[in-house]
Amino acid sequence: MRVEKYNLLGGISPARSRSAVAVVVVDPQNDFCHVDGVVFKRAEKPQRILDATKWIHSMLTVARRHGVPCFITQSFFDDKYKLPALIKRHRRLGYRQKVCNESTWGARIEAIDIRPSDFIITKHTADAFLYTCLEPLLWKCGVERLLLCGFLTEICVLETGRSAIQRGFEVIVPREGTAGLSGTCSDVALNELAALQATILSGQALLGDWLGHDIDRQLPLPLFAEIVL
């Protein structure tokens, strides 16, 4: 279900959708996740992106099985969506290649399966909460905790996680579910989120917990035994 800014909550049943936890997958688009993607080609260790994509696919399968709502962001970074100052800055820095331009192959989501029950959130900045319907939609669904993953760790995942914490959500980030241009950049971003009181944990511990327990959507996500900071 693509949820645009102006048809914010139409067609969403609170009784069906309420859940204390939700999955937020940031920008699993071809430019980030595919071997021919513009950003993927610049990654220091591209295999980490492929591994993270595979882990996200497994996690979404388990989450949907338990009825956990899944929110997937899709970025369009065309110049028409940018402030003039940002365009000038990118030109000054020598940015030439276009990333995730609307209606291009690079902007498509093909690395993971999209289901009719998923919420697709269009965004135009690194922060998935800025100028989008994500926050009111999460509140509408009764969400308190976000399982945050996606790309890139040091840019969109970091900005979205920071913004979620500022808005009062509890943020949980599985290490295996995110990747960046380099391991160092990813680690710095995760450490920053941890300093803001996000929970950084082993993705295998998370999937093991979900696979081994029945999750009541009305209850908070169970605590995890293995926490990796």
Protein backbone atom coordinates (compact mmCIF):
# COMPACT_ATOMS: atom_id res chain seq x y z
CA MET A 1 0.00 0.00 0.00
CA ARG A 2 1.61 3.24 -1.12
CA VAL A 3 0.70 5.96 1.35
CA GLU A 4 1.03 9.45 -0.06
CA LYS A 5 1.12 12.64 1.95
CA TYR A 6 -2.41 13.78 1.20
CA ASN A 7 -4.35 10.52 1.54
CA LEU A 8 -2.59 10.03 4.84
CA LEU A 9 -4.66 7.48 6.73
CA GLY A 10 -7.44 6.58 4.36
CA GLY A 11 -8.41 2.92 4.23
CA ILE A 12 -6.40 1.91 7.30
CA SER A 13 -8.30 0.01 9.96
CA PRO A 14 -6.91 0.70 13.45
CA ALA A 15 -8.29 -2.60 14.74
CA ARG A 16 -6.45 -4.51 12.02
CA SER A 17 -3.25 -2.50 12.04
CA ARG A 18 -2.48 -1.75 15.70
CA SER A 19 0.87 -3.16 16.76
CA ALA A 20 3.35 -2.14 19.44
CA VAL A 21 6.25 -2.86 17.08
CA ALA A 22 6.79 -2.15 13.40
CA VAL A 23 9.53 -2.83 10.88
CA VAL A 24 10.96 0.14 8.96
CA VAL A 25 13.15 -0.72 5.97
CA VAL A 26 14.98 2.30 4.58
CA ASP A 27 15.57 2.58 0.83
CA PRO A 28 16.09 -1.01 -0.40
CA GLN A 29 16.42 0.38 -3.93
CA ASN A 30 18.50 -0.76 -6.89
CA ASP A 31 20.99 2.11 -6.68
CA PHE A 32 21.89 0.90 -3.17
CA CYS A 33 21.31 -2.87 -3.28
CA HIS A 34 21.99 -4.07 -6.83
CA VAL A 35 25.47 -4.85 -8.16
CA ASP A 36 24.89 -2.35 -10.97
CA GLY A 37 23.62 0.37 -8.64
CA VAL A 38 25.34 3.76 -8.60
CA VAL A 39 25.93 3.75 -4.84
CA PHE A 40 26.55 -0.01 -4.58
CA LYS A 41 29.57 0.31 -6.89
CA ARG A 42 31.14 2.82 -4.49
CA ALA A 43 30.87 0.55 -1.45
CA GLU A 44 34.11 -0.50 0.20
CA LYS A 45 32.71 -3.97 0.98
CA PRO A 46 29.71 -4.52 -1.31
CA GLN A 47 29.19 -8.04 0.01
CA ARG A 48 27.97 -6.51 3.28
CA ILE A 49 25.17 -4.80 1.35
CA LEU A 50 24.20 -8.07 -0.32
CA ASP A 51 24.26 -9.87 3.04
CA ALA A 52 22.14 -7.16 4.65
CA THR A 53 19.62 -7.34 1.80
CA LYS A 54 19.33 -11.10 2.23
CA TRP A 55 18.87 -10.70 6.00
CA ILE A 56 16.16 -8.04 5.49
CA HIS A 57 14.30 -10.40 3.16
CA SER A 58 14.33 -13.13 5.84
CA MET A 59 13.31 -10.69 8.55
CA LEU A 60 10.36 -9.38 6.53
CA THR A 61 9.15 -12.93 5.96
CA VAL A 62 9.12 -13.60 9.69
CA ALA A 63 7.60 -10.23 10.57
CA ARG A 64 4.73 -10.65 8.13
CA ARG A 65 4.10 -14.16 9.44
CA HIS A 66 3.55 -12.66 12.89
CA GLY A 67 1.38 -9.83 11.59
CA VAL A 68 3.94 -7.11 12.32
CA PRO A 69 3.34 -4.07 10.05
CA CYS A 70 6.15 -3.32 7.61
CA PHE A 71 6.99 0.19 6.39
CA ILE A 72 9.34 0.50 3.41
CA THR A 73 10.72 3.85 2.34
CA GLN A 74 11.48 4.75 -1.27
CA SER A 75 13.59 7.83 -2.00
CA PHE A 76 13.35 10.07 -5.02
CA PHE A 77 16.29 12.47 -5.05
CA ASP A 78 15.53 14.45 -8.21
CA ASP A 79 16.68 18.06 -8.24
CA LYS A 80 13.04 19.20 -8.35
CA TYR A 81 12.61 17.89 -4.79
CA LYS A 82 15.75 19.57 -3.41
CA LEU A 83 16.16 23.01 -1.93
CA PRO A 84 18.22 25.32 -4.20
CA ALA A 85 20.96 25.59 -1.58
CA LEU A 86 21.37 21.80 -1.54
CA ILE A 87 21.62 21.67 -5.32
CA LYS A 88 24.35 24.33 -5.29
CA ARG A 89 26.20 22.47 -2.55
CA HIS A 90 26.16 19.20 -4.50
CA ARG A 91 27.44 20.97 -7.60
CA ARG A 92 30.18 22.63 -5.59
CA LEU A 93 31.22 19.25 -4.18
CA GLY A 94 31.34 17.79 -7.67
CA TYR A 95 28.44 15.34 -7.39
CA ARG A 96 27.73 14.24 -10.96
CA GLN A 97 25.87 10.94 -10.84
CA LYS A 98 22.15 10.95 -10.19
CA VAL A 99 20.95 8.63 -7.42
CA CYS A 100 17.39 7.27 -7.13
CA ASN A 101 15.84 9.64 -9.63
CA GLU A 102 12.11 9.12 -9.98
CA SER A 103 11.01 6.69 -12.72
CA THR A 104 14.55 5.33 -13.19
CA TRP A 105 15.73 1.76 -12.71
CA GLY A 106 17.92 2.84 -9.79
CA ALA A 107 14.92 4.08 -7.83
CA ARG A 108 13.00 0.81 -8.12
CA ILE A 109 12.64 -1.63 -5.24
CA GLU A 110 13.53 -5.06 -6.62
CA ALA A 111 15.87 -6.52 -3.99
CA ILE A 112 12.99 -7.47 -1.69
CA ASP A 113 9.42 -8.55 -2.29
CA ILE A 114 6.71 -5.96 -1.71
CA ARG A 115 3.44 -7.29 -0.34
CA PRO A 116 0.02 -5.60 -0.53
CA SER A 117 0.04 -5.28 3.27
CA ASP A 118 3.28 -3.26 3.28
CA PHE A 119 3.22 0.52 3.62
CA ILE A 120 5.40 2.27 1.01
CA ILE A 121 6.53 5.72 2.15
CA THR A 122 7.94 8.13 -0.42
CA LYS A 123 10.65 10.46 0.86
CA HIS A 124 12.95 13.09 -0.62
CA THR A 125 15.51 13.56 2.17
CA ALA A 126 17.71 11.31 4.29
CA ASP A 127 15.18 11.49 7.15
CA ALA A 128 12.15 9.25 6.56
CA PHE A 129 10.10 11.40 8.96
CA LEU A 130 10.78 14.74 7.29
CA TYR A 131 7.91 15.92 5.06
CA THR A 132 6.33 12.42 5.00
CA CYS A 133 3.32 10.71 6.53
CA LEU A 134 5.41 8.14 8.43
CA GLU A 135 5.01 9.56 11.94
CA PRO A 136 1.20 9.97 12.01
CA LEU A 137 0.80 6.60 10.33
CA LEU A 138 2.92 4.90 13.02
CA TRP A 139 0.92 6.59 15.78
CA LYS A 140 -2.31 5.58 14.04
CA CYS A 141 -1.16 1.96 14.15
CA GLY A 142 -0.23 2.23 17.84
CA VAL A 143 3.48 1.65 17.21
CA GLU A 144 5.94 2.32 20.04
CA ARG A 145 9.05 0.43 18.89
CA LEU A 146 10.73 0.52 15.50
CA LEU A 147 12.89 -2.26 14.14
CA LEU A 148 15.04 -0.13 11.82
CA CYS A 149 17.17 -1.47 8.98
CA GLY A 150 18.17 -0.62 5.42
CA PHE A 151 20.62 1.64 3.58
CA LEU A 152 22.87 3.50 3.98
CA THR A 153 23.70 3.13 7.67
CA GLU A 154 25.65 6.38 7.93
CA ILE A 155 23.12 8.51 6.05
CA CYS A 156 19.43 7.60 5.79
CA VAL A 157 19.34 4.97 8.55
CA LEU A 158 21.18 7.27 10.95
CA GLU A 159 19.00 10.29 10.17
CA THR A 160 15.79 8.27 10.39
CA GLY A 161 16.85 6.63 13.65
CA ARG A 162 17.83 9.94 15.21
CA SER A 163 14.53 11.48 14.14
CA ALA A 164 12.53 8.53 15.48
CA ILE A 165 14.19 8.82 18.89
CA GLN A 166 13.47 12.56 19.01
CA ARG A 167 9.82 11.75 18.34
CA GLY A 168 9.58 9.34 21.26
CA PHE A 169 9.89 5.98 19.50
CA GLU A 170 12.09 3.22 20.86
CA VAL A 171 14.55 2.26 18.11
CA ILE A 172 16.11 -1.18 17.63
CA VAL A 173 18.76 -1.67 14.93
CA PRO A 174 19.99 -5.18 13.99
CA ARG A 175 23.61 -5.05 12.87
CA GLU A 176 23.06 -7.58 10.07
CA GLY A 177 20.15 -5.57 8.70
CA THR A 178 22.03 -2.48 7.58
CA ALA A 179 25.17 -1.56 5.64
CA GLY A 180 26.97 1.52 4.40
CA LEU A 181 29.74 2.61 2.10
CA SER A 182 32.33 1.33 4.56
CA GLY A 183 32.43 -0.69 7.76
CA THR A 184 33.95 2.26 9.60
CA CYS A 185 31.15 4.61 8.56
CA SER A 186 28.52 2.06 9.58
CA ASP A 187 30.12 1.48 12.98
CA VAL A 188 30.35 5.22 13.70
CA ALA A 189 26.68 5.65 12.80
CA LEU A 190 25.59 2.73 14.97
CA ASN A 191 27.65 4.04 17.88
CA GLU A 192 25.95 7.42 17.52
CA LEU A 193 22.52 5.81 17.58
CA ALA A 194 23.53 3.76 20.64
CA ALA A 195 24.61 6.97 22.38
CA LEU A 196 21.09 8.29 21.73
CA GLN A 197 19.69 5.21 23.51
CA ALA A 198 18.88 3.11 20.47
CA THR A 199 19.34 -0.63 20.97
CA ILE A 200 21.96 -2.15 18.66
CA LEU A 201 21.74 -5.92 18.65
CA SER A 202 22.58 -9.11 16.82
CA GLY A 203 20.20 -9.76 13.97
CA GLN A 204 20.48 -13.48 14.53
CA ALA A 205 19.31 -13.02 18.12
CA LEU A 206 16.33 -11.08 16.83
CA LEU A 207 15.30 -13.65 14.22
CA GLY A 208 15.87 -16.45 16.72
CA ASP A 209 13.55 -14.74 19.18
CA TRP A 210 10.85 -14.26 16.56
CA LEU A 211 11.18 -17.80 15.23
CA GLY A 212 11.03 -19.29 18.72
CA HIS A 213 8.08 -17.35 20.16
CA ASP A 214 4.57 -16.43 19.22
CA ILE A 215 4.35 -12.66 19.14
CA ASP A 216 1.19 -10.98 20.31
CA ARG A 217 0.92 -7.80 18.22
CA GLN A 218 -0.68 -5.99 21.15
CA LEU A 219 2.34 -6.57 23.41
CA PRO A 220 5.79 -4.94 23.29
CA LEU A 221 8.52 -6.72 21.41
CA PRO A 222 10.21 -9.26 23.72
CA LEU A 223 13.54 -8.33 25.23
CA PHE A 224 16.53 -9.85 23.52
CA ALA A 225 19.13 -11.89 25.30
CA GLU A 226 22.05 -10.91 23.08
CA ILE A 227 22.81 -7.20 22.93
CA VAL A 228 25.88 -6.13 20.95
CA LEU A 229 27.01 -2.52 21.48
